[in-house]
mmCIF file of all heavy atoms, coordinates in Angstrom:
data_MODEL
# 
_entry.id   MODEL 
# 
loop_
_atom_site.group_PDB 
_atom_site.id 
_atom_site.type_symbol 
_atom_site.label_atom_id 
_atom_site.label_alt_id 
_atom_site.label_comp_id 
_atom_site.label_asym_id 
_atom_site.label_entity_id 
_atom_site.label_seq_id 
_atom_site.pdbx_PDB_ins_code 
_atom_site.Cartn_x 
_atom_site.Cartn_y 
_atom_site.Cartn_z 
_atom_site.occupancy 
_atom_site.B_iso_or_equiv 
_atom_site.pdbx_formal_charge 
_atom_site.auth_seq_id 
_atom_site.auth_comp_id 
_atom_site.auth_asym_id 
_atom_site.auth_atom_id 
_atom_site.pdbx_PDB_model_num 
ATOM 1   N N   . ALA A 1 1  ? 104.808 102.797 98.383  1.00 0.00 ? 1  ALA A N   1 
ATOM 2   C CA  . ALA A 1 1  ? 103.447 102.723 97.773  1.00 0.00 ? 1  ALA A CA  1 
ATOM 3   C C   . ALA A 1 1  ? 103.327 101.505 96.915  1.00 0.00 ? 1  ALA A C   1 
ATOM 4   O O   . ALA A 1 1  ? 104.244 101.073 96.311  1.00 0.00 ? 1  ALA A O   1 
ATOM 5   C CB  . ALA A 1 1  ? 103.342 104.001 96.913  1.00 0.00 ? 1  ALA A CB  1 
ATOM 6   N N   . GLY A 1 2  ? 102.039 101.002 96.878  1.00 0.00 ? 2  GLY A N   1 
ATOM 7   C CA  . GLY A 1 2  ? 101.722 99.892  96.002  1.00 0.00 ? 2  GLY A CA  1 
ATOM 8   C C   . GLY A 1 2  ? 102.048 98.513  96.620  1.00 0.00 ? 2  GLY A C   1 
ATOM 9   O O   . GLY A 1 2  ? 102.220 98.375  97.776  1.00 0.00 ? 2  GLY A O   1 
ATOM 10  N N   . VAL A 1 3  ? 102.004 97.550  95.684  1.00 0.00 ? 3  VAL A N   1 
ATOM 11  C CA  . VAL A 1 3  ? 102.216 96.125  96.088  1.00 0.00 ? 3  VAL A CA  1 
ATOM 12  C C   . VAL A 1 3  ? 103.644 95.678  95.766  1.00 0.00 ? 3  VAL A C   1 
ATOM 13  O O   . VAL A 1 3  ? 104.227 96.053  94.746  1.00 0.00 ? 3  VAL A O   1 
ATOM 14  C CB  . VAL A 1 3  ? 101.268 95.202  95.275  1.00 0.00 ? 3  VAL A CB  1 
ATOM 15  C CG1 . VAL A 1 3  ? 101.526 93.744  95.604  1.00 0.00 ? 3  VAL A CG1 1 
ATOM 16  C CG2 . VAL A 1 3  ? 99.855  95.576  95.648  1.00 0.00 ? 3  VAL A CG2 1 
ATOM 17  N N   . ILE A 1 4  ? 104.222 94.995  96.741  1.00 0.00 ? 4  ILE A N   1 
ATOM 18  C CA  . ILE A 1 4  ? 105.579 94.390  96.560  1.00 0.00 ? 4  ILE A CA  1 
ATOM 19  C C   . ILE A 1 4  ? 105.449 92.927  96.246  1.00 0.00 ? 4  ILE A C   1 
ATOM 20  O O   . ILE A 1 4  ? 105.051 92.134  97.221  1.00 0.00 ? 4  ILE A O   1 
ATOM 21  C CB  . ILE A 1 4  ? 106.489 94.610  97.775  1.00 0.00 ? 4  ILE A CB  1 
ATOM 22  C CG1 . ILE A 1 4  ? 106.830 96.112  97.911  1.00 0.00 ? 4  ILE A CG1 1 
ATOM 23  C CG2 . ILE A 1 4  ? 107.818 93.829  97.618  1.00 0.00 ? 4  ILE A CG2 1 
ATOM 24  C CD1 . ILE A 1 4  ? 107.789 96.653  96.879  1.00 0.00 ? 4  ILE A CD1 1 
ATOM 25  N N   . SER A 1 5  ? 105.557 92.524  95.015  1.00 0.00 ? 5  SER A N   1 
ATOM 26  C CA  . SER A 1 5  ? 105.377 91.109  94.682  1.00 0.00 ? 5  SER A CA  1 
ATOM 27  C C   . SER A 1 5  ? 106.653 90.251  94.938  1.00 0.00 ? 5  SER A C   1 
ATOM 28  O O   . SER A 1 5  ? 107.707 90.842  95.175  1.00 0.00 ? 5  SER A O   1 
ATOM 29  C CB  . SER A 1 5  ? 105.012 91.005  93.167  1.00 0.00 ? 5  SER A CB  1 
ATOM 30  O OG  . SER A 1 5  ? 106.116 91.497  92.371  1.00 0.00 ? 5  SER A OG  1 
ATOM 31  N N   . ASP A 1 6  ? 106.502 88.955  94.787  1.00 0.00 ? 6  ASP A N   1 
ATOM 32  C CA  . ASP A 1 6  ? 107.704 88.129  94.963  1.00 0.00 ? 6  ASP A CA  1 
ATOM 33  C C   . ASP A 1 6  ? 108.695 88.342  93.888  1.00 0.00 ? 6  ASP A C   1 
ATOM 34  O O   . ASP A 1 6  ? 109.914 88.320  94.142  1.00 0.00 ? 6  ASP A O   1 
ATOM 35  C CB  . ASP A 1 6  ? 107.203 86.663  94.943  1.00 0.00 ? 6  ASP A CB  1 
ATOM 36  C CG  . ASP A 1 6  ? 106.486 86.250  96.161  1.00 0.00 ? 6  ASP A CG  1 
ATOM 37  O OD1 . ASP A 1 6  ? 106.574 86.876  97.222  1.00 0.00 ? 6  ASP A OD1 1 
ATOM 38  O OD2 . ASP A 1 6  ? 105.765 85.233  96.105  1.00 0.00 ? 6  ASP A OD2 1 
ATOM 39  N N   . THR A 1 7  ? 108.150 88.715  92.694  1.00 0.00 ? 7  THR A N   1 
ATOM 40  C CA  . THR A 1 7  ? 109.114 89.048  91.548  1.00 0.00 ? 7  THR A CA  1 
ATOM 41  C C   . THR A 1 7  ? 109.964 90.214  91.914  1.00 0.00 ? 7  THR A C   1 
ATOM 42  O O   . THR A 1 7  ? 111.159 90.317  91.666  1.00 0.00 ? 7  THR A O   1 
ATOM 43  C CB  . THR A 1 7  ? 108.303 89.312  90.299  1.00 0.00 ? 7  THR A CB  1 
ATOM 44  O OG1 . THR A 1 7  ? 107.516 88.104  89.974  1.00 0.00 ? 7  THR A OG1 1 
ATOM 45  C CG2 . THR A 1 7  ? 109.228 89.628  89.141  1.00 0.00 ? 7  THR A CG2 1 
ATOM 46  N N   . LYS A 1 8  ? 109.309 91.277  92.490  1.00 0.00 ? 8  LYS A N   1 
ATOM 47  C CA  . LYS A 1 8  ? 110.004 92.480  92.828  1.00 0.00 ? 8  LYS A CA  1 
ATOM 48  C C   . LYS A 1 8  ? 111.045 92.296  93.927  1.00 0.00 ? 8  LYS A C   1 
ATOM 49  O O   . LYS A 1 8  ? 112.174 92.736  93.907  1.00 0.00 ? 8  LYS A O   1 
ATOM 50  C CB  . LYS A 1 8  ? 109.111 93.570  93.222  1.00 0.00 ? 8  LYS A CB  1 
ATOM 51  C CG  . LYS A 1 8  ? 108.199 94.133  92.086  1.00 0.00 ? 8  LYS A CG  1 
ATOM 52  C CD  . LYS A 1 8  ? 107.303 95.281  92.544  1.00 0.00 ? 8  LYS A CD  1 
ATOM 53  C CE  . LYS A 1 8  ? 106.498 95.857  91.421  1.00 0.00 ? 8  LYS A CE  1 
ATOM 54  N NZ  . LYS A 1 8  ? 105.641 96.961  91.855  1.00 0.00 ? 8  LYS A NZ  1 
ATOM 55  N N   . LEU A 1 9  ? 110.649 91.358  94.905  1.00 0.00 ? 9  LEU A N   1 
ATOM 56  C CA  . LEU A 1 9  ? 111.590 91.092  96.024  1.00 0.00 ? 9  LEU A CA  1 
ATOM 57  C C   . LEU A 1 9  ? 112.821 90.403  95.459  1.00 0.00 ? 9  LEU A C   1 
ATOM 58  O O   . LEU A 1 9  ? 113.948 90.650  95.884  1.00 0.00 ? 9  LEU A O   1 
ATOM 59  C CB  . LEU A 1 9  ? 110.877 90.168  97.008  1.00 0.00 ? 9  LEU A CB  1 
ATOM 60  C CG  . LEU A 1 9  ? 109.754 90.809  97.900  1.00 0.00 ? 9  LEU A CG  1 
ATOM 61  C CD1 . LEU A 1 9  ? 109.085 89.773  98.714  1.00 0.00 ? 9  LEU A CD1 1 
ATOM 62  C CD2 . LEU A 1 9  ? 110.399 91.866  98.803  1.00 0.00 ? 9  LEU A CD2 1 
ATOM 63  N N   . ALA A 1 10 ? 112.530 89.486  94.438  1.00 0.00 ? 10 ALA A N   1 
ATOM 64  C CA  . ALA A 1 10 ? 113.702 88.751  93.861  1.00 0.00 ? 10 ALA A CA  1 
ATOM 65  C C   . ALA A 1 10 ? 114.653 89.701  93.109  1.00 0.00 ? 10 ALA A C   1 
ATOM 66  O O   . ALA A 1 10 ? 115.861 89.503  93.196  1.00 0.00 ? 10 ALA A O   1 
ATOM 67  C CB  . ALA A 1 10 ? 113.166 87.670  92.910  1.00 0.00 ? 10 ALA A CB  1 
ATOM 68  N N   . LYS A 1 11 ? 114.040 90.675  92.444  1.00 0.00 ? 11 LYS A N   1 
ATOM 69  C CA  . LYS A 1 11 ? 114.908 91.621  91.744  1.00 0.00 ? 11 LYS A CA  1 
ATOM 70  C C   . LYS A 1 11 ? 115.800 92.455  92.627  1.00 0.00 ? 11 LYS A C   1 
ATOM 71  O O   . LYS A 1 11 ? 116.963 92.639  92.441  1.00 0.00 ? 11 LYS A O   1 
ATOM 72  C CB  . LYS A 1 11 ? 114.046 92.593  90.840  1.00 0.00 ? 11 LYS A CB  1 
ATOM 73  C CG  . LYS A 1 11 ? 113.371 91.897  89.660  1.00 0.00 ? 11 LYS A CG  1 
ATOM 74  C CD  . LYS A 1 11 ? 112.533 92.906  88.911  1.00 0.00 ? 11 LYS A CD  1 
ATOM 75  C CE  . LYS A 1 11 ? 111.957 92.267  87.646  1.00 0.00 ? 11 LYS A CE  1 
ATOM 76  N NZ  . LYS A 1 11 ? 111.097 93.237  86.899  1.00 0.00 ? 11 LYS A NZ  1 
ATOM 77  N N   . LEU A 1 12 ? 115.159 92.933  93.767  1.00 0.00 ? 12 LEU A N   1 
ATOM 78  C CA  . LEU A 1 12 ? 115.904 93.657  94.741  1.00 0.00 ? 12 LEU A CA  1 
ATOM 79  C C   . LEU A 1 12 ? 116.982 92.889  95.414  1.00 0.00 ? 12 LEU A C   1 
ATOM 80  O O   . LEU A 1 12 ? 118.136 93.415  95.687  1.00 0.00 ? 12 LEU A O   1 
ATOM 81  C CB  . LEU A 1 12 ? 114.912 94.242  95.818  1.00 0.00 ? 12 LEU A CB  1 
ATOM 82  C CG  . LEU A 1 12 ? 113.935 95.256  95.410  1.00 0.00 ? 12 LEU A CG  1 
ATOM 83  C CD1 . LEU A 1 12 ? 112.819 95.438  96.472  1.00 0.00 ? 12 LEU A CD1 1 
ATOM 84  C CD2 . LEU A 1 12 ? 114.611 96.612  95.119  1.00 0.00 ? 12 LEU A CD2 1 
ATOM 85  N N   . ARG A 1 13 ? 116.695 91.611  95.672  1.00 0.00 ? 13 ARG A N   1 
ATOM 86  C CA  . ARG A 1 13 ? 117.682 90.715  96.268  1.00 0.00 ? 13 ARG A CA  1 
ATOM 87  C C   . ARG A 1 13 ? 118.893 90.434  95.347  1.00 0.00 ? 13 ARG A C   1 
ATOM 88  O O   . ARG A 1 13 ? 119.995 90.381  95.795  1.00 0.00 ? 13 ARG A O   1 
ATOM 89  C CB  . ARG A 1 13 ? 117.109 89.407  96.653  1.00 0.00 ? 13 ARG A CB  1 
ATOM 90  C CG  . ARG A 1 13 ? 116.134 89.462  97.859  1.00 0.00 ? 13 ARG A CG  1 
ATOM 91  C CD  . ARG A 1 13 ? 115.380 88.175  98.063  1.00 0.00 ? 13 ARG A CD  1 
ATOM 92  N NE  . ARG A 1 13 ? 114.424 88.345  99.154  1.00 0.00 ? 13 ARG A NE  1 
ATOM 93  C CZ  . ARG A 1 13 ? 113.175 87.781  99.184  1.00 0.00 ? 13 ARG A CZ  1 
ATOM 94  N NH1 . ARG A 1 13 ? 112.859 86.965  98.169  1.00 0.00 ? 13 ARG A NH1 1 
ATOM 95  N NH2 . ARG A 1 13 ? 112.403 87.933  100.237 1.00 0.00 ? 13 ARG A NH2 1 
ATOM 96  N N   . LYS A 1 14 ? 118.640 90.382  94.049  1.00 0.00 ? 14 LYS A N   1 
ATOM 97  C CA  . LYS A 1 14 ? 119.661 90.109  93.100  1.00 0.00 ? 14 LYS A CA  1 
ATOM 98  C C   . LYS A 1 14 ? 120.463 91.357  92.763  1.00 0.00 ? 14 LYS A C   1 
ATOM 99  O O   . LYS A 1 14 ? 121.733 91.262  92.545  1.00 0.00 ? 14 LYS A O   1 
ATOM 100 C CB  . LYS A 1 14 ? 119.020 89.585  91.751  1.00 0.00 ? 14 LYS A CB  1 
ATOM 101 C CG  . LYS A 1 14 ? 120.031 89.158  90.706  1.00 0.00 ? 14 LYS A CG  1 
ATOM 102 C CD  . LYS A 1 14 ? 119.335 88.671  89.507  1.00 0.00 ? 14 LYS A CD  1 
ATOM 103 C CE  . LYS A 1 14 ? 120.331 88.230  88.395  1.00 0.00 ? 14 LYS A CE  1 
ATOM 104 N NZ  . LYS A 1 14 ? 119.676 87.712  87.180  1.00 0.00 ? 14 LYS A NZ  1 
ATOM 105 N N   . GLY A 1 15 ? 119.840 92.550  92.779  1.00 0.00 ? 15 GLY A N   1 
ATOM 106 C CA  . GLY A 1 15 ? 120.536 93.745  92.423  1.00 0.00 ? 15 GLY A CA  1 
ATOM 107 C C   . GLY A 1 15 ? 119.842 94.461  91.284  1.00 0.00 ? 15 GLY A C   1 
ATOM 108 O O   . GLY A 1 15 ? 119.367 93.728  90.297  1.00 0.00 ? 15 GLY A O   1 
ATOM 109 N N   . VAL A 1 16 ? 119.656 95.750  91.280  1.00 0.00 ? 16 VAL A N   1 
ATOM 110 C CA  . VAL A 1 16 ? 118.935 96.498  90.282  1.00 0.00 ? 16 VAL A CA  1 
ATOM 111 C C   . VAL A 1 16 ? 119.758 97.714  89.844  1.00 0.00 ? 16 VAL A C   1 
ATOM 112 O O   . VAL A 1 16 ? 120.599 98.139  90.499  1.00 0.00 ? 16 VAL A O   1 
ATOM 113 C CB  . VAL A 1 16 ? 117.567 97.016  90.858  1.00 0.00 ? 16 VAL A CB  1 
ATOM 114 C CG1 . VAL A 1 16 ? 116.622 95.871  91.129  1.00 0.00 ? 16 VAL A CG1 1 
ATOM 115 C CG2 . VAL A 1 16 ? 117.696 97.843  92.104  1.00 0.00 ? 16 VAL A CG2 1 
ATOM 116 N N   . ASP A 1 17 ? 119.457 98.099  88.600  1.00 0.00 ? 17 ASP A N   1 
ATOM 117 C CA  . ASP A 1 17 ? 120.172 99.247  88.027  1.00 0.00 ? 17 ASP A CA  1 
ATOM 118 C C   . ASP A 1 17 ? 119.435 100.501 88.541  1.00 0.00 ? 17 ASP A C   1 
ATOM 119 O O   . ASP A 1 17 ? 118.288 100.738 88.307  1.00 0.00 ? 17 ASP A O   1 
ATOM 120 C CB  . ASP A 1 17 ? 120.082 99.194  86.494  1.00 0.00 ? 17 ASP A CB  1 
ATOM 121 C CG  . ASP A 1 17 ? 120.907 100.190 85.840  1.00 0.00 ? 17 ASP A CG  1 
ATOM 122 O OD1 . ASP A 1 17 ? 121.193 101.281 86.433  1.00 0.00 ? 17 ASP A OD1 1 
ATOM 123 O OD2 . ASP A 1 17 ? 121.364 99.997  84.651  1.00 0.00 ? 17 ASP A OD2 1 
ATOM 124 N N   . ILE A 1 18 ? 120.264 101.376 89.229  1.00 0.00 ? 18 ILE A N   1 
ATOM 125 C CA  . ILE A 1 18 ? 119.668 102.599 89.730  1.00 0.00 ? 18 ILE A CA  1 
ATOM 126 C C   . ILE A 1 18 ? 120.206 103.869 89.009  1.00 0.00 ? 18 ILE A C   1 
ATOM 127 O O   . ILE A 1 18 ? 120.311 104.918 89.583  1.00 0.00 ? 18 ILE A O   1 
ATOM 128 C CB  . ILE A 1 18 ? 119.901 102.731 91.261  1.00 0.00 ? 18 ILE A CB  1 
ATOM 129 C CG1 . ILE A 1 18 ? 121.431 102.653 91.608  1.00 0.00 ? 18 ILE A CG1 1 
ATOM 130 C CG2 . ILE A 1 18 ? 119.133 101.643 91.998  1.00 0.00 ? 18 ILE A CG2 1 
ATOM 131 C CD1 . ILE A 1 18 ? 121.738 102.927 93.053  1.00 0.00 ? 18 ILE A CD1 1 
ATOM 132 N N   . GLY A 1 19 ? 120.617 103.604 87.706  1.00 0.00 ? 19 GLY A N   1 
ATOM 133 C CA  . GLY A 1 19 ? 121.075 104.702 86.925  1.00 0.00 ? 19 GLY A CA  1 
ATOM 134 C C   . GLY A 1 19 ? 122.631 104.668 86.761  1.00 0.00 ? 19 GLY A C   1 
ATOM 135 O O   . GLY A 1 19 ? 123.340 105.474 87.359  1.00 0.00 ? 19 GLY A O   1 
ATOM 136 N N   . GLY A 1 20 ? 123.096 103.695 85.954  1.00 0.00 ? 20 GLY A N   1 
ATOM 137 C CA  . GLY A 1 20 ? 124.496 103.570 85.697  1.00 0.00 ? 20 GLY A CA  1 
ATOM 138 C C   . GLY A 1 20 ? 125.227 102.773 86.790  1.00 0.00 ? 20 GLY A C   1 
ATOM 139 O O   . GLY A 1 20 ? 126.462 102.659 86.728  1.00 0.00 ? 20 GLY A O   1 
ATOM 140 N N   . PHE A 1 21 ? 124.470 102.269 87.757  1.00 0.00 ? 21 PHE A N   1 
ATOM 141 C CA  . PHE A 1 21 ? 125.084 101.468 88.864  1.00 0.00 ? 21 PHE A CA  1 
ATOM 142 C C   . PHE A 1 21 ? 124.194 100.304 89.215  1.00 0.00 ? 21 PHE A C   1 
ATOM 143 O O   . PHE A 1 21 ? 123.028 100.579 89.533  1.00 0.00 ? 21 PHE A O   1 
ATOM 144 C CB  . PHE A 1 21 ? 125.364 102.359 90.069  1.00 0.00 ? 21 PHE A CB  1 
ATOM 145 C CG  . PHE A 1 21 ? 125.932 101.685 91.266  1.00 0.00 ? 21 PHE A CG  1 
ATOM 146 C CD1 . PHE A 1 21 ? 127.267 101.332 91.356  1.00 0.00 ? 21 PHE A CD1 1 
ATOM 147 C CD2 . PHE A 1 21 ? 125.093 101.221 92.298  1.00 0.00 ? 21 PHE A CD2 1 
ATOM 148 C CE1 . PHE A 1 21 ? 127.779 100.686 92.440  1.00 0.00 ? 21 PHE A CE1 1 
ATOM 149 C CE2 . PHE A 1 21 ? 125.576 100.526 93.394  1.00 0.00 ? 21 PHE A CE2 1 
ATOM 150 C CZ  . PHE A 1 21 ? 126.963 100.242 93.437  1.00 0.00 ? 21 PHE A CZ  1 
ATOM 151 N N   . VAL A 1 22 ? 124.671 99.093  89.199  1.00 0.00 ? 22 VAL A N   1 
ATOM 152 C CA  . VAL A 1 22 ? 123.886 97.926  89.563  1.00 0.00 ? 22 VAL A CA  1 
ATOM 153 C C   . VAL A 1 22 ? 124.215 97.654  91.077  1.00 0.00 ? 22 VAL A C   1 
ATOM 154 O O   . VAL A 1 22 ? 125.392 97.382  91.386  1.00 0.00 ? 22 VAL A O   1 
ATOM 155 C CB  . VAL A 1 22 ? 124.111 96.768  88.629  1.00 0.00 ? 22 VAL A CB  1 
ATOM 156 C CG1 . VAL A 1 22 ? 123.355 95.549  89.114  1.00 0.00 ? 22 VAL A CG1 1 
ATOM 157 C CG2 . VAL A 1 22 ? 123.773 97.076  87.212  1.00 0.00 ? 22 VAL A CG2 1 
ATOM 158 N N   . THR A 1 23 ? 123.203 97.588  91.868  1.00 0.00 ? 23 THR A N   1 
ATOM 159 C CA  . THR A 1 23 ? 123.405 97.357  93.277  1.00 0.00 ? 23 THR A CA  1 
ATOM 160 C C   . THR A 1 23 ? 123.857 95.907  93.496  1.00 0.00 ? 23 THR A C   1 
ATOM 161 O O   . THR A 1 23 ? 123.530 94.995  92.806  1.00 0.00 ? 23 THR A O   1 
ATOM 162 C CB  . THR A 1 23 ? 122.157 97.642  94.139  1.00 0.00 ? 23 THR A CB  1 
ATOM 163 O OG1 . THR A 1 23 ? 121.081 96.837  93.637  1.00 0.00 ? 23 THR A OG1 1 
ATOM 164 C CG2 . THR A 1 23 ? 121.757 99.077  93.940  1.00 0.00 ? 23 THR A CG2 1 
ATOM 165 N N   . ALA A 1 24 ? 124.603 95.796  94.635  1.00 0.00 ? 24 ALA A N   1 
ATOM 166 C CA  . ALA A 1 24 ? 125.029 94.424  94.999  1.00 0.00 ? 24 ALA A CA  1 
ATOM 167 C C   . ALA A 1 24 ? 123.821 93.664  95.582  1.00 0.00 ? 24 ALA A C   1 
ATOM 168 O O   . ALA A 1 24 ? 122.745 94.264  95.969  1.00 0.00 ? 24 ALA A O   1 
ATOM 169 C CB  . ALA A 1 24 ? 126.054 94.568  96.103  1.00 0.00 ? 24 ALA A CB  1 
ATOM 170 N N   . PRO A 1 25 ? 123.872 92.338  95.707  1.00 0.00 ? 25 PRO A N   1 
ATOM 171 C CA  . PRO A 1 25 ? 122.776 91.558  96.298  1.00 0.00 ? 25 PRO A CA  1 
ATOM 172 C C   . PRO A 1 25 ? 122.461 92.074  97.603  1.00 0.00 ? 25 PRO A C   1 
ATOM 173 O O   . PRO A 1 25 ? 123.252 92.426  98.448  1.00 0.00 ? 25 PRO A O   1 
ATOM 174 C CB  . PRO A 1 25 ? 123.372 90.123  96.358  1.00 0.00 ? 25 PRO A CB  1 
ATOM 175 C CG  . PRO A 1 25 ? 124.388 90.070  95.254  1.00 0.00 ? 25 PRO A CG  1 
ATOM 176 C CD  . PRO A 1 25 ? 124.985 91.451  95.207  1.00 0.00 ? 25 PRO A CD  1 
# 
């Protein structure tokens, strides 16, 4: 749902905190 911006793409590529765990690139 919604818009996926370049900023959001960059965050996903780098890794995000999904609740006590930061995902790998």
